[in-house]
Amino acid sequence: MEKAEKLIADVISQIEDWKGEDLTYERWPDFFMWNCNWTVSVNGKKYFVKIPGEKSELFFNRDHIHEACVIAADSGVGPAVPYYLKNSGVEISEWLENYSGLKTDKWIFQHRFKEKFLFKSLDLLMKLHNSGQELSNKKNIFDQIRDLSTIMDKNSTFEIRERPYLENLVNRIEEAISTNGGMDLKPCINNICERWSWDFMWNESEQDLKIVDYEWASMNDVCSDLATLSTSAMLYDDHDKELVEYYFGELNEFQFARFKLFKILVLIKSCFFMSILDKFRPAAFDYIRSYGWKMARLRNLLHDPRTENWIWSVKNQKGFDNWKGYPIA
């Protein structure tokens, strides 16, 4: 019996409700980066089993993940989570039958679809953000970036050429945001896959959307989730304006600039994360390719001539409201 199969057999043996029942199990695709995933069928009812992957303890607290999954399930945002093995961090959720991951073209070209998937996804995020619940994990986007930076140093990952500049940019953005209103912390997922989203699951016949995977979930600024959605779907300015206006009910220069700064933060975090995963290679996945995609998107934003103005306008909102234009000094 292979190591992975021994793990799932051990999990199954710990679930009292499953003992003596008609049971089969199957390995879920192995390209996921921080879990060893299985599907288990018990008397015809299917479950999804997440076994913590190698080195995932560097990034995640499994109790925090489970707490976020329960809040999402209670809010109607995620699947039910009937079992959790606290000693090992194994989580077992109900299988989302007839659901499949949203391909990101349904966000980019949402107006081709009657469902308006971008708006539908924003509605679901809004439902989680406004659930009134509070997560134990209080690490915001700035904390997460600094944690990743520390892990990079401790494990001698490959050196990102722009890292000193990027870390200084993070500090400047944090100062700008803190100066003008700070962050209104809400439960956020902070993680959306790229190209084909396995975090947003769609059931065509039921016309129902669910969010799964809460590894990065924490109390964060809602712009972190909006920016993560935008960068994952590779949205352009026109999409971004539509996104911001739909979520906040209006489009103003300050909120748009603030959102764009969070896109930079999300991409910096993603690049740091991929450089660490490339060191350990916990799964059959091309981490450097993913790093390259994320860095290309980040550099595109960094070279945008509006970036410095976004920082200035967020830090100096009152002055910006009185005079629309680039700062003279």
Protein backbone atom coordinates (compact mmCIF):
# COMPACT_ATOMS: atom_id res chain seq x y z
CA MET A 1 0.00 0.00 0.00
CA GLU A 2 1.43 3.38 -1.03
CA LYS A 3 2.03 6.13 1.54
CA ALA A 4 -0.88 8.22 0.23
CA GLU A 5 -3.25 5.26 0.39
CA LYS A 6 -2.13 4.51 3.95
CA LEU A 7 -3.02 8.09 4.85
CA ILE A 8 -6.57 7.86 3.51
CA ALA A 9 -7.06 4.44 5.10
CA ASP A 10 -6.02 5.92 8.45
CA VAL A 11 -8.47 8.82 8.02
CA ILE A 12 -11.33 6.47 7.16
CA SER A 13 -10.63 4.35 10.23
CA GLN A 14 -11.12 7.41 12.46
CA ILE A 15 -14.64 8.28 11.26
CA GLU A 16 -17.06 6.36 13.49
CA ASP A 17 -20.03 6.96 11.16
CA TRP A 18 -18.21 5.15 8.34
CA LYS A 19 -17.29 1.97 10.14
CA GLY A 20 -18.90 -1.13 8.62
CA GLU A 21 -20.44 0.85 5.77
CA ASP A 22 -20.17 0.21 2.02
CA LEU A 23 -17.22 2.45 1.17
CA THR A 24 -14.97 3.23 -1.80
CA TYR A 25 -12.31 5.90 -2.25
CA GLU A 26 -10.43 7.48 -5.12
CA ARG A 27 -7.46 9.82 -5.38
CA TRP A 28 -8.27 13.34 -6.53
CA PRO A 29 -5.89 14.90 -9.13
CA ASP A 30 -2.42 15.41 -7.68
CA PHE A 31 -1.61 18.89 -9.05
CA PHE A 32 -2.99 20.68 -5.99
CA MET A 33 -0.16 22.31 -4.11
CA TRP A 34 -0.83 21.90 -0.41
CA ASN A 35 -3.28 19.03 0.09
CA CYS A 36 -3.43 15.32 -0.64
CA ASN A 37 -7.04 15.07 -1.80
CA TRP A 38 -9.42 12.10 -2.03
CA THR A 39 -13.07 11.42 -2.72
CA VAL A 40 -14.77 8.88 -0.48
CA SER A 41 -18.18 7.36 -1.24
CA VAL A 42 -20.12 6.00 1.75
CA ASN A 43 -23.33 4.14 0.89
CA GLY A 44 -23.51 6.21 -2.29
CA LYS A 45 -22.98 9.57 -0.55
CA LYS A 46 -19.77 11.27 -1.65
CA TYR A 47 -17.32 13.27 0.46
CA PHE A 48 -14.21 15.30 -0.34
CA VAL A 49 -11.23 14.62 1.95
CA LYS A 50 -8.33 17.05 2.33
CA ILE A 51 -5.19 15.67 3.96
CA PRO A 52 -2.59 18.38 4.74
CA GLY A 53 0.27 18.26 2.25
CA GLU A 54 4.01 18.41 2.75
CA LYS A 55 5.29 21.78 4.04
CA SER A 56 1.77 23.23 4.20
CA GLU A 57 2.36 23.84 7.91
CA LEU A 58 4.75 26.62 6.89
CA PHE A 59 1.80 28.67 5.65
CA PHE A 60 -1.43 27.46 7.21
CA ASN A 61 -3.05 26.75 10.55
CA ARG A 62 -5.58 23.97 9.91
CA ASP A 63 -7.83 25.04 12.78
CA HIS A 64 -8.11 28.47 11.15
CA ILE A 65 -8.95 26.87 7.80
CA HIS A 66 -11.66 24.70 9.34
CA GLU A 67 -13.17 27.68 11.15
CA ALA A 68 -13.40 29.59 7.85
CA CYS A 69 -14.99 26.59 6.10
CA VAL A 70 -17.65 26.30 8.80
CA ILE A 71 -18.44 30.04 8.59
CA ALA A 72 -18.67 29.78 4.79
CA ALA A 73 -20.98 26.76 5.04
CA ASP A 74 -23.20 28.47 7.62
CA SER A 75 -23.40 31.53 5.34
CA GLY A 76 -24.46 29.44 2.33
CA VAL A 77 -21.21 30.26 0.55
CA GLY A 78 -19.38 26.93 0.88
CA PRO A 79 -20.18 23.19 1.20
CA ALA A 80 -21.11 21.57 4.52
CA VAL A 81 -18.16 20.28 6.57
CA PRO A 82 -19.40 17.31 8.63
CA TYR A 83 -16.03 16.00 9.86
CA TYR A 84 -12.75 17.48 11.05
CA LEU A 85 -9.83 15.56 12.60
CA LYS A 86 -8.20 18.16 14.81
CA ASN A 87 -5.13 16.06 15.61
CA SER A 88 -4.12 15.82 11.94
CA GLY A 89 -5.93 18.79 10.37
CA VAL A 90 -7.83 16.52 7.96
CA GLU A 91 -11.06 18.10 6.78
CA ILE A 92 -13.98 16.29 5.17
CA SER A 93 -16.65 18.23 3.30
CA GLU A 94 -19.71 17.14 1.39
CA TRP A 95 -19.03 16.53 -2.28
CA LEU A 96 -20.49 19.17 -4.59
CA GLU A 97 -22.26 16.89 -7.05
CA ASN A 98 -22.51 18.18 -10.65
CA TYR A 99 -20.39 21.25 -9.82
CA SER A 100 -17.34 22.19 -11.87
CA GLY A 101 -14.72 24.92 -11.64
CA LEU A 102 -15.42 28.24 -13.34
CA LYS A 103 -13.16 28.89 -16.29
CA THR A 104 -11.97 32.45 -15.99
CA ASP A 105 -13.23 33.45 -19.44
CA LYS A 106 -16.66 33.46 -17.78
CA TRP A 107 -15.43 36.38 -15.70
CA ILE A 108 -13.58 38.15 -18.52
CA PHE A 109 -16.41 37.79 -21.03
CA GLN A 110 -19.26 37.72 -18.52
CA HIS A 111 -21.64 39.66 -20.75
CA ARG A 112 -21.70 36.74 -23.18
CA PHE A 113 -23.41 34.67 -20.48
CA LYS A 114 -26.88 35.30 -19.09
CA GLU A 115 -25.61 34.37 -15.59
CA LYS A 116 -23.17 37.34 -15.44
CA PHE A 117 -20.56 35.25 -13.62
CA LEU A 118 -18.39 38.14 -12.46
CA PHE A 119 -21.33 39.78 -10.70
CA LYS A 120 -22.53 36.42 -9.37
CA SER A 121 -19.05 35.76 -7.91
CA LEU A 122 -18.98 39.22 -6.34
CA ASP A 123 -22.41 38.58 -4.79
CA LEU A 124 -21.05 35.41 -3.18
CA LEU A 125 -17.94 37.18 -1.86
CA MET A 126 -20.17 39.96 -0.51
CA LYS A 127 -22.27 37.36 1.29
CA LEU A 128 -19.16 36.03 3.05
CA HIS A 129 -17.78 39.51 3.79
CA ASN A 130 -21.09 40.62 5.32
CA SER A 131 -21.77 37.41 7.24
CA GLY A 132 -21.11 39.21 10.53
CA GLN A 133 -18.69 36.44 11.52
CA GLU A 134 -15.11 36.97 12.68
CA LEU A 135 -12.18 34.65 11.97
CA SER A 136 -9.48 33.85 14.52
CA ASN A 137 -6.85 34.43 11.85
CA LYS A 138 -6.29 38.21 11.94
CA LYS A 139 -3.40 38.33 9.44
CA ASN A 140 -4.07 40.87 6.71
CA ILE A 141 -2.35 41.09 3.33
CA PHE A 142 0.65 42.97 4.76
CA ASP A 143 1.14 40.37 7.52
CA GLN A 144 0.92 37.56 4.97
CA ILE A 145 3.54 39.14 2.70
CA ARG A 146 5.94 39.63 5.62
CA ASP A 147 5.41 36.05 6.78
CA LEU A 148 6.30 34.81 3.29
CA SER A 149 9.37 37.05 3.24
CA THR A 150 10.54 35.47 6.52
CA ILE A 151 9.98 31.95 5.13
CA MET A 152 12.01 32.88 2.03
CA ASP A 153 14.93 33.98 4.22
CA LYS A 154 14.80 30.94 6.48
CA ASN A 155 14.68 28.47 3.59
CA SER A 156 17.03 30.20 1.12
CA THR A 157 14.60 30.26 -1.79
CA PHE A 158 15.71 31.68 -5.11
CA GLU A 159 16.23 35.42 -4.85
CA ILE A 160 13.65 37.59 -6.58
CA ARG A 161 15.59 40.33 -8.32
CA GLU A 162 13.16 43.11 -7.41
CA ARG A 163 12.59 41.94 -3.83
CA PRO A 164 14.09 44.97 -1.98
CA TYR A 165 12.08 47.33 -4.19
CA LEU A 166 8.91 45.26 -3.75
CA GLU A 167 9.20 45.12 0.03
CA ASN A 168 9.73 48.88 0.15
CA LEU A 169 6.68 49.31 -2.10
CA VAL A 170 4.61 47.19 0.31
CA ASN A 171 5.63 49.52 3.16
CA ARG A 172 4.71 52.61 1.13
CA ILE A 173 1.30 51.20 0.19
CA GLU A 174 0.65 50.23 3.81
CA GLU A 175 1.51 53.77 4.92
CA ALA A 176 -0.80 55.25 2.29
CA ILE A 177 -3.73 53.01 3.24
CA SER A 178 -3.16 53.48 6.98
CA THR A 179 -3.09 57.27 6.57
CA ASN A 180 -6.49 57.37 4.95
CA GLY A 181 -9.01 55.18 6.71
CA GLY A 182 -6.96 52.03 7.22
CA MET A 183 -8.63 48.68 6.57
CA ASP A 184 -12.15 47.55 7.39
CA LEU A 185 -11.46 43.90 8.19
CA LYS A 186 -13.96 41.27 7.00
CA PRO A 187 -13.71 37.48 6.56
CA CYS A 188 -11.93 37.01 3.23
CA ILE A 189 -10.78 33.93 1.31
CA ASN A 190 -7.61 35.63 -0.07
CA ASN A 191 -7.05 32.89 -2.63
CA ILE A 192 -8.46 32.22 -6.08
CA CYS A 193 -6.91 29.91 -8.67
CA GLU A 194 -5.88 31.19 -12.09
CA ARG A 195 -7.16 30.31 -15.56
CA TRP A 196 -9.53 27.60 -14.33
CA SER A 197 -10.90 28.43 -10.91
CA TRP A 198 -11.35 25.43 -8.63
CA ASP A 199 -12.28 27.85 -5.84
CA PHE A 200 -15.54 28.94 -7.51
CA MET A 201 -17.67 25.87 -8.31
CA TRP A 202 -20.70 26.19 -10.59
CA ASN A 203 -23.73 23.89 -10.91
CA GLU A 204 -25.38 24.55 -14.25
CA SER A 205 -28.64 22.69 -13.59
CA GLU A 206 -29.16 24.25 -10.14
CA GLN A 207 -27.75 27.64 -11.20
CA ASP A 208 -25.77 27.64 -7.97
CA LEU A 209 -22.28 28.90 -7.18
CA LYS A 210 -20.14 27.86 -4.22
CA ILE A 211 -16.67 28.83 -2.96
CA VAL A 212 -14.30 26.12 -1.72
CA ASP A 213 -10.71 26.18 -0.38
CA TYR A 214 -10.13 28.53 2.54
CA GLU A 215 -6.44 27.91 3.22
CA TRP A 216 -5.56 31.61 3.15
CA ALA A 217 -8.79 32.81 4.80
CA SER A 218 -8.38 35.60 7.36
CA MET A 219 -9.78 38.92 8.50
CA ASN A 220 -8.68 41.19 5.68
CA ASP A 221 -9.72 44.18 3.61
CA VAL A 222 -12.40 43.23 1.06
CA CYS A 223 -10.22 44.77 -1.65
CA SER A 224 -7.85 41.85 -1.13
CA ASP A 225 -10.51 39.41 -2.35
CA LEU A 226 -11.59 41.72 -5.17
CA ALA A 227 -7.98 42.19 -6.28
CA THR A 228 -7.31 38.45 -6.08
CA LEU A 229 -10.34 37.75 -8.26
CA SER A 230 -9.21 40.39 -10.76
CA THR A 231 -5.60 39.20 -11.00
CA SER A 232 -6.66 35.54 -11.21
CA ALA A 233 -9.02 36.28 -14.09
CA MET A 234 -6.49 38.67 -15.70
CA LEU A 235 -9.07 41.44 -15.87
CA TYR A 236 -8.32 44.72 -17.65
CA ASP A 237 -9.17 48.28 -16.62
CA ASP A 238 -12.67 48.21 -18.05
CA HIS A 239 -13.44 45.00 -16.12
CA ASP A 240 -11.86 46.45 -12.98
CA LYS A 241 -14.03 49.56 -13.14
CA GLU A 242 -17.11 47.41 -13.59
CA LEU A 243 -16.04 45.21 -10.65
CA VAL A 244 -15.43 48.13 -8.29
CA GLU A 245 -18.64 49.91 -9.26
CA TYR A 246 -20.75 46.75 -8.81
CA TYR A 247 -19.28 45.83 -5.43
CA PHE A 248 -19.23 49.31 -3.85
CA GLY A 249 -22.26 50.73 -5.63
CA GLU A 250 -20.26 53.55 -7.21
CA LEU A 251 -16.99 54.17 -9.02
CA ASN A 252 -14.82 56.89 -7.58
CA GLU A 253 -11.14 57.62 -8.13
CA PHE A 254 -10.13 56.95 -4.53
CA GLN A 255 -11.72 53.48 -4.31
CA PHE A 256 -10.39 52.53 -7.74
CA ALA A 257 -6.85 53.61 -6.81
CA ARG A 258 -7.08 51.72 -3.54
CA PHE A 259 -8.26 48.58 -5.37
CA LYS A 260 -5.38 48.83 -7.85
CA LEU A 261 -2.85 49.00 -4.99
CA PHE A 262 -4.32 45.79 -3.59
CA LYS A 263 -3.79 44.16 -6.99
CA ILE A 264 -0.09 44.96 -6.62
CA LEU A 265 -0.05 43.53 -3.09
CA VAL A 266 -1.82 40.33 -4.16
CA LEU A 267 0.67 39.75 -6.96
CA ILE A 268 3.67 40.39 -4.71
CA LYS A 269 2.27 37.86 -2.25
CA SER A 270 1.71 35.35 -5.08
CA CYS A 271 5.26 35.74 -6.41
CA PHE A 272 6.77 35.24 -2.94
CA PHE A 273 4.58 32.18 -2.39
CA MET A 274 5.58 30.57 -5.70
CA SER A 275 9.28 31.12 -5.04
CA ILE A 276 8.90 29.18 -1.77
CA LEU A 277 6.89 26.36 -3.34
CA ASP A 278 9.53 26.01 -6.05
CA LYS A 279 12.04 25.28 -3.30
CA PHE A 280 10.05 22.35 -1.88
CA ARG A 281 7.99 21.25 -4.92
CA PRO A 282 5.27 19.57 -2.82
CA ALA A 283 3.29 18.44 -5.88
CA ALA A 284 3.59 17.83 -9.61
CA PHE A 285 3.15 21.46 -10.59
CA ASP A 286 5.21 23.96 -12.59
CA TYR A 287 5.73 26.59 -9.90
CA ILE A 288 8.24 28.64 -11.88
CA ARG A 289 5.83 28.95 -14.80
CA SER A 290 3.14 30.17 -12.41
CA TYR A 291 5.69 32.55 -10.84
CA GLY A 292 6.51 33.89 -14.30
CA TRP A 293 2.86 34.58 -15.10
CA LYS A 294 2.32 36.36 -11.82
CA MET A 295 5.53 38.38 -12.12
CA ALA A 296 4.60 39.43 -15.67
CA ARG A 297 1.26 40.74 -14.41
CA LEU A 298 2.97 42.46 -11.49
CA ARG A 299 5.54 44.17 -13.71
CA ASN A 300 2.76 45.36 -15.97
CA LEU A 301 1.21 47.15 -12.99
CA LEU A 302 4.55 48.44 -11.71
CA HIS A 303 5.28 50.00 -15.09
CA ASP A 304 1.84 51.57 -15.29
CA PRO A 305 2.48 55.35 -15.13
CA ARG A 306 -0.53 55.70 -12.82
CA THR A 307 0.93 53.52 -10.04
CA GLU A 308 2.73 56.31 -8.18
CA ASN A 309 -0.34 58.49 -8.53
CA TRP A 310 -2.51 55.74 -7.04
CA ILE A 311 -0.24 55.67 -3.98
CA TRP A 312 -0.29 59.47 -3.71
CA SER A 313 -4.05 59.75 -4.20
CA VAL A 314 -4.83 57.11 -1.54
CA LYS A 315 -2.49 58.80 0.93
CA ASN A 316 -3.79 62.30 0.12
CA GLN A 317 -7.47 61.71 -0.58
CA LYS A 318 -8.68 65.21 0.34
CA GLY A 319 -6.11 66.92 -1.83
CA PHE A 320 -6.86 64.53 -4.67
CA ASP A 321 -10.60 65.23 -4.42
CA ASN A 322 -9.90 68.95 -4.84
CA TRP A 323 -7.47 68.63 -7.72
CA LYS A 324 -7.63 65.76 -10.20
CA GLY A 325 -4.20 65.17 -11.62
CA TYR A 326 -0.69 63.99 -11.00
CA PRO A 327 1.03 65.42 -7.90
CA ILE A 328 3.53 68.16 -8.63
CA ALA A 329 5.60 67.32 -5.55
